[in-house]
Amino acid sequence: MPRARRALPPRRTAGRPTLPIVLPLALLLPLATACGAGAGESSDGRTVTVTVGYQSKTINTVTAGTLLRSLGYFEEELADRGRADGLSYRVVWQDYATGAPITAQMTAGKIDIGSMGDFPLLINAARGKQLKKPTRLVSVTGYNLRGGLNTVVTAPGSPLRSLADLKGRKVSTSVGSAADGTLVRALRRAGVDPAKDVRKLNQQPSVGASALSSGSVDALSQFVAWPGLLAYQGKAAALYDGAELNLPTFHGVTVREKFAERRPAVLDAFLRAQHRATEHLRKQPVAAAESVAKETGLPAEVVYLYNGAQGIATFDPALRPELIAALKEDVPVLKEAGLVTDVDVDAFVDPVPLRRAVPDAAYPRTTGAKAELWLKGQRTTRTLDSPGALLKAVRGASVRAAYVPDAVTGTLWFADRAVWVQDGSAWRAFLTRSASERYVTRHPGARVVPYADAVRLAS
């Protein structure tokens, strides 16, 4: 049998529908019936087809999608399995912009394994139960314990300075996504009614990004990697850091229950392959970022912002208790929006397959991001102990990207897009102007300094 990587099927660009992230149930069924290759066995009963749904541009799912596919680890694991059981395995990868069509395909039996964010995972669980096609959450891809994977951005030069300024404004988001959940919660904390005080537009990320650039919306609330991409391109400035909520957000892997019961060895192979991809990303973050960039067309600098050694996302397949607890807190938000009636999270989460496939899957929890410098032509990055040290290192250097953590939340951001504050001899960076202004107000003598001036003064 040839190596599975050589047998990879052509990329199915046709599998990227332009649908909103949440679809009425009446639309889910015909879509699922019409789209995608079915999972199952060939007519001779010797070839098993496994269909995996993933989101290439949602880059904190890469260990179960883009990176995993490019490394060929799942195919390798299945080839090993085939030598043991005498079967042949074929993997079909289907790429989508959001989680909703993956759920539609799964409930129709067209996708076996899928990856998506925490809010879509709950919808996945609810739809599966509703249609008597249950699914199970079996692992995590990337997470941020404070919620920093979601960000609200505005156009550069926007007069908006805080969430309170969004009253009477148009905001683009993907209803039912984690970014929408962040927007709803953050607006309420700011004393803004998300149902009455803002006009929320339900748009796919790419559509919302275009709307922000054209000026047809005032703000965009989205998940990784859209806010970072727009900031990197100079098309957006951060208005609200999702980490201010201090609520975990994550993406995970879901599987059809019937498939998991019928093909437990295949699910085990996937989870082992995901763990191998996680190991690769954690040990070779620059190489992994460049690989994902090549596959997705995203700038490697943006991928590294989220997936790098100090990145916003922490990659770990373990079903951590704090993530499951956060998932339970998400249910009321979706219920209030009318997107689910209820979700039994404990029944949805199944830790058994991961424990069986990778007994020691969890990694030690990382603490406190540091500043990081990526020089042109280098295959590694340099970690700096402080924002001030980064400013000194940047001057005169051939910089590919410089990253600095927010002084309050720790969320990593591009140094040249951050808001810099000088406080005596100390330097601090903030994701948003409002956060920097709060600091300056509480610290007499502190002042906001443009990035170029900060580099000059710090050196």
Protein backbone atom coordinates (compact mmCIF):
# COMPACT_ATOMS: atom_id res chain seq x y z
CA MET A 1 0.00 0.00 0.00
CA PRO A 2 1.53 3.42 -0.95
CA ARG A 3 2.17 5.99 1.74
CA ALA A 4 -1.07 7.76 2.62
CA ARG A 5 0.39 11.24 2.09
CA ARG A 6 0.86 10.49 -1.59
CA ALA A 7 -2.72 9.36 -1.82
CA LEU A 8 -4.19 12.58 -0.46
CA PRO A 9 -7.30 13.55 -2.44
CA PRO A 10 -7.36 16.88 -4.27
CA ARG A 11 -8.35 19.87 -2.12
CA ARG A 12 -12.10 20.42 -2.36
CA THR A 13 -12.45 24.15 -2.72
CA ALA A 14 -16.02 23.59 -3.83
CA GLY A 15 -16.79 22.54 -0.28
CA ARG A 16 -16.64 26.14 0.98
CA PRO A 17 -20.26 27.35 1.05
CA THR A 18 -21.20 30.97 1.55
CA LEU A 19 -23.66 30.37 4.34
CA PRO A 20 -24.18 32.14 7.66
CA ILE A 21 -22.76 30.41 10.66
CA VAL A 22 -26.19 29.40 12.00
CA LEU A 23 -28.79 27.90 9.70
CA PRO A 24 -32.45 27.13 10.38
CA LEU A 25 -33.05 23.43 10.80
CA ALA A 26 -35.13 23.42 7.62
CA LEU A 27 -32.02 24.40 5.66
CA LEU A 28 -29.64 22.07 7.43
CA LEU A 29 -31.13 18.87 6.09
CA PRO A 30 -31.20 19.65 2.35
CA LEU A 31 -27.73 21.16 2.56
CA ALA A 32 -26.39 18.09 4.28
CA THR A 33 -28.00 15.79 1.73
CA ALA A 34 -26.67 17.72 -1.22
CA CYS A 35 -23.08 18.31 -0.12
CA GLY A 36 -19.99 16.22 0.31
CA ALA A 37 -18.87 12.67 -0.03
CA GLY A 38 -20.50 10.11 2.18
CA ALA A 39 -18.58 8.20 4.80
CA GLY A 40 -18.52 4.44 4.80
CA GLU A 41 -17.09 1.48 2.95
CA SER A 42 -16.61 0.61 -0.70
CA SER A 43 -18.71 -2.03 -2.42
CA ASP A 44 -16.08 -4.70 -1.75
CA GLY A 45 -16.18 -3.90 1.97
CA ARG A 46 -12.38 -3.57 2.14
CA THR A 47 -11.97 0.21 1.88
CA VAL A 48 -13.13 2.54 4.63
CA THR A 49 -13.63 6.20 3.77
CA VAL A 50 -13.25 8.67 6.61
CA THR A 51 -14.48 12.22 6.00
CA VAL A 52 -13.03 15.05 8.06
CA GLY A 53 -14.55 18.53 8.13
CA TYR A 54 -12.25 21.39 9.09
CA GLN A 55 -11.85 25.17 8.82
CA SER A 56 -8.53 26.05 7.27
CA LYS A 57 -8.67 29.75 8.15
CA THR A 58 -9.73 29.17 11.75
CA ILE A 59 -6.10 28.57 12.57
CA ASN A 60 -6.40 27.39 16.16
CA THR A 61 -7.99 24.21 14.78
CA VAL A 62 -4.93 23.37 12.67
CA THR A 63 -3.86 20.37 14.74
CA ALA A 64 -7.12 18.70 13.68
CA GLY A 65 -7.23 20.28 10.22
CA THR A 66 -4.81 22.28 8.08
CA LEU A 67 -1.54 21.32 9.76
CA LEU A 68 -2.65 17.74 10.40
CA ARG A 69 -3.57 17.33 6.76
CA SER A 70 -0.30 18.77 5.49
CA LEU A 71 1.76 16.53 7.79
CA GLY A 72 -0.10 13.39 6.70
CA TYR A 73 -0.13 11.96 10.22
CA PHE A 74 -3.72 10.71 10.09
CA GLU A 75 -3.05 8.84 6.86
CA GLU A 76 0.10 7.34 8.39
CA GLU A 77 -1.81 6.15 11.45
CA LEU A 78 -4.50 4.62 9.24
CA ALA A 79 -1.89 2.92 7.07
CA ASP A 80 -0.53 1.28 10.21
CA ARG A 81 -4.04 0.29 11.16
CA GLY A 82 -4.64 -1.16 7.70
CA ARG A 83 -1.63 -3.40 7.97
CA ALA A 84 -3.09 -4.76 11.20
CA ASP A 85 -6.69 -5.33 10.10
CA GLY A 86 -6.30 -5.88 6.34
CA LEU A 87 -8.46 -2.90 5.38
CA SER A 88 -7.62 0.09 3.22
CA TYR A 89 -8.41 3.59 4.50
CA ARG A 90 -9.14 6.70 2.49
CA VAL A 91 -9.35 10.18 4.05
CA VAL A 92 -11.51 12.91 2.49
CA TRP A 93 -10.81 16.42 3.80
CA GLN A 94 -13.56 19.03 3.47
CA ASP A 95 -12.75 22.69 4.14
CA TYR A 96 -15.41 25.15 5.35
CA ALA A 97 -15.48 28.76 6.53
CA THR A 98 -17.54 28.07 9.67
CA GLY A 99 -18.83 25.26 11.84
CA ALA A 100 -22.49 25.27 10.76
CA PRO A 101 -22.09 23.36 7.47
CA ILE A 102 -19.84 20.85 9.22
CA THR A 103 -22.64 20.19 11.68
CA ALA A 104 -25.11 19.86 8.82
CA GLN A 105 -22.90 17.30 7.13
CA MET A 106 -22.35 15.37 10.34
CA THR A 107 -26.04 15.05 11.17
CA ALA A 108 -26.59 13.75 7.65
CA GLY A 109 -23.84 11.16 8.05
CA LYS A 110 -21.63 12.87 5.46
CA ILE A 111 -18.81 13.95 7.80
CA ASP A 112 -17.42 11.67 10.49
CA ILE A 113 -15.07 13.98 12.40
CA GLY A 114 -15.17 17.78 12.55
CA SER A 115 -13.54 20.69 14.36
CA MET A 116 -15.17 23.97 15.40
CA GLY A 117 -15.40 26.57 18.17
CA ASP A 118 -17.08 26.26 21.53
CA PHE A 119 -20.40 27.91 20.63
CA PRO A 120 -20.74 25.95 17.34
CA LEU A 121 -19.85 22.79 19.29
CA LEU A 122 -22.90 23.34 21.48
CA ILE A 123 -25.08 23.79 18.40
CA ASN A 124 -23.50 20.62 17.02
CA ALA A 125 -24.54 18.77 20.18
CA ALA A 126 -28.06 20.22 20.11
CA ARG A 127 -28.66 19.43 16.42
CA GLY A 128 -27.31 15.92 16.83
CA LYS A 129 -29.66 15.23 19.72
CA GLN A 130 -32.61 16.88 17.96
CA LEU A 131 -32.13 14.77 14.83
CA LYS A 132 -31.30 11.62 16.81
CA LYS A 133 -27.81 11.67 15.26
CA PRO A 134 -25.77 12.39 18.41
CA THR A 135 -22.21 13.66 18.35
CA ARG A 136 -19.50 13.71 20.98
CA LEU A 137 -16.75 16.18 21.93
CA VAL A 138 -13.54 14.14 22.13
CA SER A 139 -10.64 16.61 22.21
CA VAL A 140 -9.56 20.25 22.18
CA THR A 141 -7.36 21.94 19.59
CA GLY A 142 -6.44 25.47 20.75
CA TYR A 143 -7.73 27.49 23.71
CA ASN A 144 -7.26 30.73 25.61
CA LEU A 145 -8.28 30.71 29.25
CA ARG A 146 -9.19 34.41 29.28
CA GLY A 147 -11.06 34.55 25.96
CA GLY A 148 -8.37 36.32 23.93
CA LEU A 149 -9.16 34.43 20.72
CA ASN A 150 -12.08 36.80 20.03
CA THR A 151 -11.70 40.53 19.36
CA VAL A 152 -13.90 43.48 18.42
CA VAL A 153 -12.21 45.77 15.89
CA THR A 154 -13.03 49.04 14.16
CA ALA A 155 -11.62 50.77 11.10
CA PRO A 156 -8.34 52.66 11.60
CA GLY A 157 -9.02 56.24 12.61
CA SER A 158 -12.52 55.42 13.87
CA PRO A 159 -13.81 57.83 16.52
CA LEU A 160 -15.09 54.86 18.53
CA ARG A 161 -13.07 54.37 21.70
CA SER A 162 -15.12 51.90 23.77
CA LEU A 163 -17.99 49.43 23.55
CA ALA A 164 -20.32 52.09 24.92
CA ASP A 165 -19.67 54.03 21.70
CA LEU A 166 -21.34 51.22 19.73
CA LYS A 167 -24.81 52.39 20.76
CA GLY A 168 -26.80 53.04 17.61
CA ARG A 169 -24.04 51.52 15.44
CA LYS A 170 -23.86 48.56 13.07
CA VAL A 171 -21.71 45.62 14.15
CA SER A 172 -20.86 42.60 12.00
CA THR A 173 -20.47 39.18 13.60
CA SER A 174 -21.32 35.54 12.94
CA VAL A 175 -24.39 34.73 15.02
CA GLY A 176 -23.90 31.58 17.05
CA SER A 177 -20.11 31.86 17.03
CA ALA A 178 -17.83 32.38 20.02
CA ALA A 179 -17.13 35.88 18.69
CA ASP A 180 -20.85 36.64 18.87
CA GLY A 181 -20.91 35.34 22.42
CA THR A 182 -18.02 37.64 23.30
CA LEU A 183 -19.82 40.60 21.74
CA VAL A 184 -23.08 39.94 23.61
CA ARG A 185 -21.37 39.49 26.97
CA ALA A 186 -19.03 42.44 26.53
CA LEU A 187 -21.83 44.80 25.48
CA ARG A 188 -23.86 43.87 28.53
CA ARG A 189 -20.92 44.52 30.83
CA ALA A 190 -20.58 47.92 29.20
CA GLY A 191 -24.25 48.68 29.84
CA VAL A 192 -25.24 48.27 26.19
CA ASP A 193 -28.25 46.11 25.26
CA PRO A 194 -27.03 43.88 22.38
CA ALA A 195 -30.61 43.39 21.18
CA LYS A 196 -31.81 46.99 21.31
CA ASP A 197 -28.85 49.34 21.35
CA VAL A 198 -26.85 48.01 18.38
CA ARG A 199 -27.74 46.74 14.94
CA LYS A 200 -26.08 43.35 14.69
CA LEU A 201 -25.47 41.95 11.21
CA ASN A 202 -25.09 38.18 10.84
CA GLN A 203 -22.23 37.79 8.35
CA GLN A 204 -19.47 35.35 7.55
CA PRO A 205 -16.05 36.61 8.65
CA SER A 206 -14.86 37.48 5.15
CA VAL A 207 -18.07 39.38 4.41
CA GLY A 208 -17.80 41.27 7.68
CA ALA A 209 -14.18 42.14 6.98
CA SER A 210 -15.18 43.62 3.62
CA ALA A 211 -18.06 45.49 5.25
CA LEU A 212 -15.69 47.05 7.78
CA SER A 213 -13.28 48.12 5.04
CA SER A 214 -16.07 49.65 2.97
CA GLY A 215 -17.52 51.51 5.94
CA SER A 216 -20.90 49.74 5.80
CA VAL A 217 -20.44 48.56 9.41
CA ASP A 218 -18.87 50.39 12.33
CA ALA A 219 -17.26 47.41 14.03
CA LEU A 220 -16.53 43.72 13.54
CA SER A 221 -16.56 41.04 16.25
CA GLN A 222 -14.79 37.91 15.05
CA PHE A 223 -12.71 34.92 16.04
CA VAL A 224 -9.16 33.94 15.18
CA ALA A 225 -7.55 34.83 12.79
CA TRP A 226 -9.66 37.65 11.34
CA PRO A 227 -8.97 40.43 13.88
CA GLY A 228 -5.22 39.81 13.76
CA LEU A 229 -5.24 39.62 9.97
CA LEU A 230 -7.08 42.92 9.57
CA ALA A 231 -4.80 44.63 12.11
CA TYR A 232 -1.71 43.27 10.34
CA GLN A 233 -3.02 44.60 7.02
CA GLY A 234 -3.65 48.01 8.55
CA LYS A 235 -7.39 47.63 7.98
CA ALA A 236 -8.51 47.51 11.61
CA ALA A 237 -7.70 48.64 15.13
CA ALA A 238 -8.68 46.72 18.25
CA LEU A 239 -11.64 48.15 20.16
CA TYR A 240 -12.14 45.34 22.68
CA ASP A 241 -9.92 42.45 23.75
CA GLY A 242 -12.03 39.35 24.41
CA ALA A 243 -9.65 38.45 27.24
CA GLU A 244 -11.17 41.28 29.28
CA LEU A 245 -14.11 38.93 29.88
CA ASN A 246 -11.75 36.47 31.57
CA LEU A 247 -13.85 33.54 30.31
CA PRO A 248 -12.16 30.60 28.52
CA THR A 249 -12.78 30.06 24.83
CA PHE A 250 -11.60 27.12 22.75
CA HIS A 251 -12.05 24.97 19.64
CA GLY A 252 -12.48 21.23 19.71
CA VAL A 253 -13.05 18.00 17.82
CA THR A 254 -16.47 16.40 17.54
CA VAL A 255 -17.32 12.96 16.14
CA ARG A 256 -20.51 11.21 15.10
CA GLU A 257 -21.46 8.82 17.88
CA LYS A 258 -22.32 5.99 15.49
CA PHE A 259 -19.00 6.35 13.73
CA ALA A 260 -17.11 6.36 17.04
CA GLU A 261 -18.91 3.20 18.11
CA ARG A 262 -18.42 1.42 14.79
CA ARG A 263 -14.85 2.58 14.13
CA PRO A 264 -13.18 3.22 17.52
CA ALA A 265 -9.76 2.31 16.11
CA VAL A 266 -10.13 4.97 13.41
CA LEU A 267 -11.06 7.59 16.00
CA ASP A 268 -8.07 6.52 18.07
CA ALA A 269 -5.86 6.93 15.00
CA PHE A 270 -7.20 10.46 14.49
CA LEU A 271 -6.57 11.44 18.10
CA ARG A 272 -3.04 10.02 18.01
CA ALA A 273 -2.41 11.94 14.81
CA GLN A 274 -3.80 15.13 16.37
CA HIS A 275 -1.48 14.68 19.33
CA ARG A 276 1.49 14.24 16.98
CA ALA A 277 0.50 17.41 15.13
CA THR A 278 0.27 19.23 18.47
CA GLU A 279 3.76 18.03 19.36
CA HIS A 280 5.05 19.28 16.01
CA LEU A 281 3.46 22.71 16.46
CA ARG A 282 4.73 23.15 20.00
CA LYS A 283 8.29 22.04 19.15
CA GLN A 284 8.55 23.80 15.77
CA PRO A 285 6.18 26.79 15.98
CA VAL A 286 7.83 28.83 13.22
CA ALA A 287 7.87 25.92 10.77
CA ALA A 288 4.26 25.09 11.65
CA ALA A 289 3.18 28.70 11.13
CA GLU A 290 4.85 28.87 7.74
CA SER A 291 3.27 25.55 6.75
CA VAL A 292 -0.21 26.76 7.73
CA ALA A 293 0.42 30.05 5.95
CA LYS A 294 1.32 28.20 2.75
CA GLU A 295 -1.83 26.07 2.94
CA THR A 296 -4.24 28.91 3.79
CA GLY A 297 -2.81 31.97 2.10
CA LEU A 298 -2.70 33.78 5.45
CA PRO A 299 0.48 35.71 6.28
CA ALA A 300 2.79 33.59 8.43
CA GLU A 301 3.17 36.55 10.78
CA VAL A 302 -0.58 36.42 11.51
CA VAL A 303 -0.59 32.66 11.97
CA TYR A 304 2.31 32.99 14.42
CA LEU A 305 0.47 35.68 16.41
CA TYR A 306 -2.06 33.02 17.39
CA ASN A 307 -0.13 29.75 17.03
CA GLY A 308 3.40 30.75 17.99
CA ALA A 309 5.47 29.94 21.05
CA GLN A 310 3.93 32.88 22.95
CA GLY A 311 0.78 32.86 20.82
CA ILE A 312 -2.76 33.75 21.86
CA ALA A 313 -3.82 30.10 21.45
CA THR A 314 -2.48 27.28 23.61
CA PHE A 315 -2.57 23.94 21.81
CA ASP A 316 -3.45 20.97 23.99
CA PRO A 317 -5.95 18.18 23.14
CA ALA A 318 -6.89 17.59 26.78
CA LEU A 319 -10.51 18.19 27.82
CA ARG A 320 -9.59 20.48 30.71
CA PRO A 321 -12.23 20.94 33.44
CA GLU A 322 -12.11 24.74 33.14
CA LEU A 323 -12.93 24.50 29.42
CA ILE A 324 -15.88 22.18 30.04
CA ALA A 325 -17.10 24.51 32.79
CA ALA A 326 -16.90 27.43 30.35
CA LEU A 327 -18.88 25.41 27.80
CA LYS A 328 -21.69 25.06 30.33
CA GLU A 329 -21.67 28.84 30.86
CA ASP A 330 -22.09 29.32 27.11
CA VAL A 331 -25.38 27.38 26.96
CA PRO A 332 -27.60 30.17 28.40
CA VAL A 333 -26.25 32.64 25.82
CA LEU A 334 -27.29 30.36 22.96
CA LYS A 335 -30.63 29.57 24.60
CA GLU A 336 -31.43 33.26 24.95
CA ALA A 337 -30.62 33.77 21.27
CA GLY A 338 -33.02 30.94 20.36
CA LEU A 339 -30.27 28.85 18.79
CA VAL A 340 -30.64 25.87 21.15
CA THR A 341 -33.27 24.76 23.63
CA ASP A 342 -30.82 23.06 25.96
CA VAL A 343 -27.58 21.10 25.84
CA ASP A 344 -26.49 18.33 28.17
CA VAL A 345 -22.78 19.19 28.19
CA ASP A 346 -21.82 16.26 30.41
CA ALA A 347 -23.43 13.82 27.97
CA PHE A 348 -21.79 15.56 25.00
CA VAL A 349 -18.24 15.46 26.38
CA ASP A 350 -16.59 12.04 26.03
CA PRO A 351 -13.06 11.83 27.48
CA VAL A 352 -12.76 8.06 26.98
CA PRO A 353 -11.40 8.00 23.38
CA LEU A 354 -8.57 10.46 24.11
CA ARG A 355 -7.57 8.60 27.27
CA ARG A 356 -7.57 5.38 25.28
CA ALA A 357 -5.61 6.76 22.32
CA VAL A 358 -3.20 9.08 24.13
CA PRO A 359 -3.09 8.29 27.85
CA ASP A 360 -0.91 11.31 28.70
CA ALA A 361 -2.38 13.90 26.35
CA ALA A 362 -2.28 16.99 28.59
CA TYR A 363 0.60 19.47 28.54
CA PRO A 364 1.69 21.63 31.47
CA ARG A 365 -0.25 24.86 31.49
CA THR A 366 1.70 27.81 30.11
CA THR A 367 1.93 31.05 32.08
CA GLY A 368 2.35 34.64 31.00
CA ALA A 369 3.21 35.48 27.41
CA LYS A 370 6.42 37.40 26.77
CA ALA A 371 7.44 39.74 23.99
CA GLU A 372 8.84 38.02 20.94
CA LEU A 373 10.87 39.15 17.94
CA TRP A 374 10.97 37.45 14.53
CA LEU A 375 13.77 38.75 12.32
CA LYS A 376 13.77 38.43 8.55
CA GLY A 377 15.56 35.37 7.26
CA GLN A 378 15.43 33.62 10.64
CA ARG A 379 13.82 30.25 11.31
CA THR A 380 13.58 30.90 15.04
CA THR A 381 12.36 33.80 17.16
CA ARG A 382 13.84 35.62 20.11
CA THR A 383 11.97 35.99 23.43
CA LEU A 384 12.38 39.24 25.37
CA ASP A 385 11.76 39.72 29.08
CA SER A 386 9.88 43.01 28.80
CA PRO A 387 8.16 45.36 26.33
CA GLY A 388 11.00 47.84 26.86
CA ALA A 389 13.56 45.21 25.89
CA LEU A 390 11.58 44.53 22.72
CA LEU A 391 11.60 48.22 21.78
CA LYS A 392 15.38 48.30 22.17
CA ALA A 393 15.82 45.11 20.11
CA VAL A 394 13.63 46.40 17.28
CA ARG A 395 15.61 49.56 16.57
CA GLY A 396 17.85 49.10 13.56
CA ALA A 397 16.86 45.44 13.14
CA SER A 398 15.42 43.80 10.03
CA VAL A 399 12.10 42.90 11.62
CA ARG A 400 9.67 40.43 10.14
CA ALA A 401 7.28 40.68 13.09
CA ALA A 402 7.42 41.90 16.68
CA TYR A 403 4.87 40.77 19.25
CA VAL A 404 4.06 42.17 22.68
CA PRO A 405 1.57 41.06 25.37
CA ASP A 406 -1.18 43.37 26.59
CA ALA A 407 -0.17 44.79 29.98
CA VAL A 408 -3.44 43.68 31.62
CA THR A 409 -4.74 40.59 29.82
CA GLY A 410 -1.52 39.18 28.40
CA THR A 411 -3.06 38.86 24.93
CA LEU A 412 -0.27 38.97 22.35
CA TRP A 413 -0.49 41.63 19.64
CA PHE A 414 1.64 43.15 16.91
CA ALA A 415 3.99 45.64 18.55
CA ASP A 416 3.49 48.22 15.82
CA ARG A 417 -0.31 47.97 16.18
CA ALA A 418 -0.36 48.13 19.99
CA VAL A 419 -0.91 51.32 22.01
CA TRP A 420 2.30 52.14 23.91
CA VAL A 421 2.48 53.89 27.26
CA GLN A 422 5.59 55.36 28.88
CA ASP A 423 5.47 55.43 32.67
CA GLY A 424 8.76 56.80 33.92
CA SER A 425 11.43 54.42 32.66
CA ALA A 426 8.94 51.58 32.14
CA TRP A 427 7.09 50.76 28.94
CA ARG A 428 3.73 49.02 28.65
CA ALA A 429 1.71 47.97 25.62
CA PHE A 430 -2.04 47.65 25.29
CA LEU A 431 -4.28 46.09 22.69
CA THR A 432 -6.85 48.86 22.83
CA ARG A 433 -6.83 52.63 23.22
CA SER A 434 -9.42 52.42 26.01
CA ALA A 435 -7.19 50.11 28.09
CA SER A 436 -4.22 52.45 27.66
CA GLU A 437 -6.33 55.46 28.64
CA ARG A 438 -7.55 53.72 31.79
CA TYR A 439 -3.94 53.08 32.76
CA VAL A 440 -2.84 56.66 32.08
CA THR A 441 -5.76 58.01 34.11
CA ARG A 442 -4.73 55.93 37.12
CA HIS A 443 -0.99 56.64 36.84
CA PRO A 444 -0.08 60.34 36.90
CA GLY A 445 2.86 61.06 34.65
CA ALA A 446 2.18 58.15 32.30
CA ARG A 447 1.52 59.05 28.67
CA VAL A 448 0.59 57.40 25.38
CA VAL A 449 3.48 57.40 22.90
CA PRO A 450 3.35 56.48 19.17
CA TYR A 451 5.20 53.26 18.37
CA ALA A 452 7.93 54.86 16.28
CA ASP A 453 8.64 57.35 19.07
CA ALA A 454 8.62 54.55 21.65
CA VAL A 455 11.29 52.69 19.68
CA ARG A 456 13.41 55.84 19.48
CA LEU A 457 13.00 56.80 23.12
CA ALA A 458 13.50 53.32 24.53
CA SER A 459 16.75 52.91 22.65
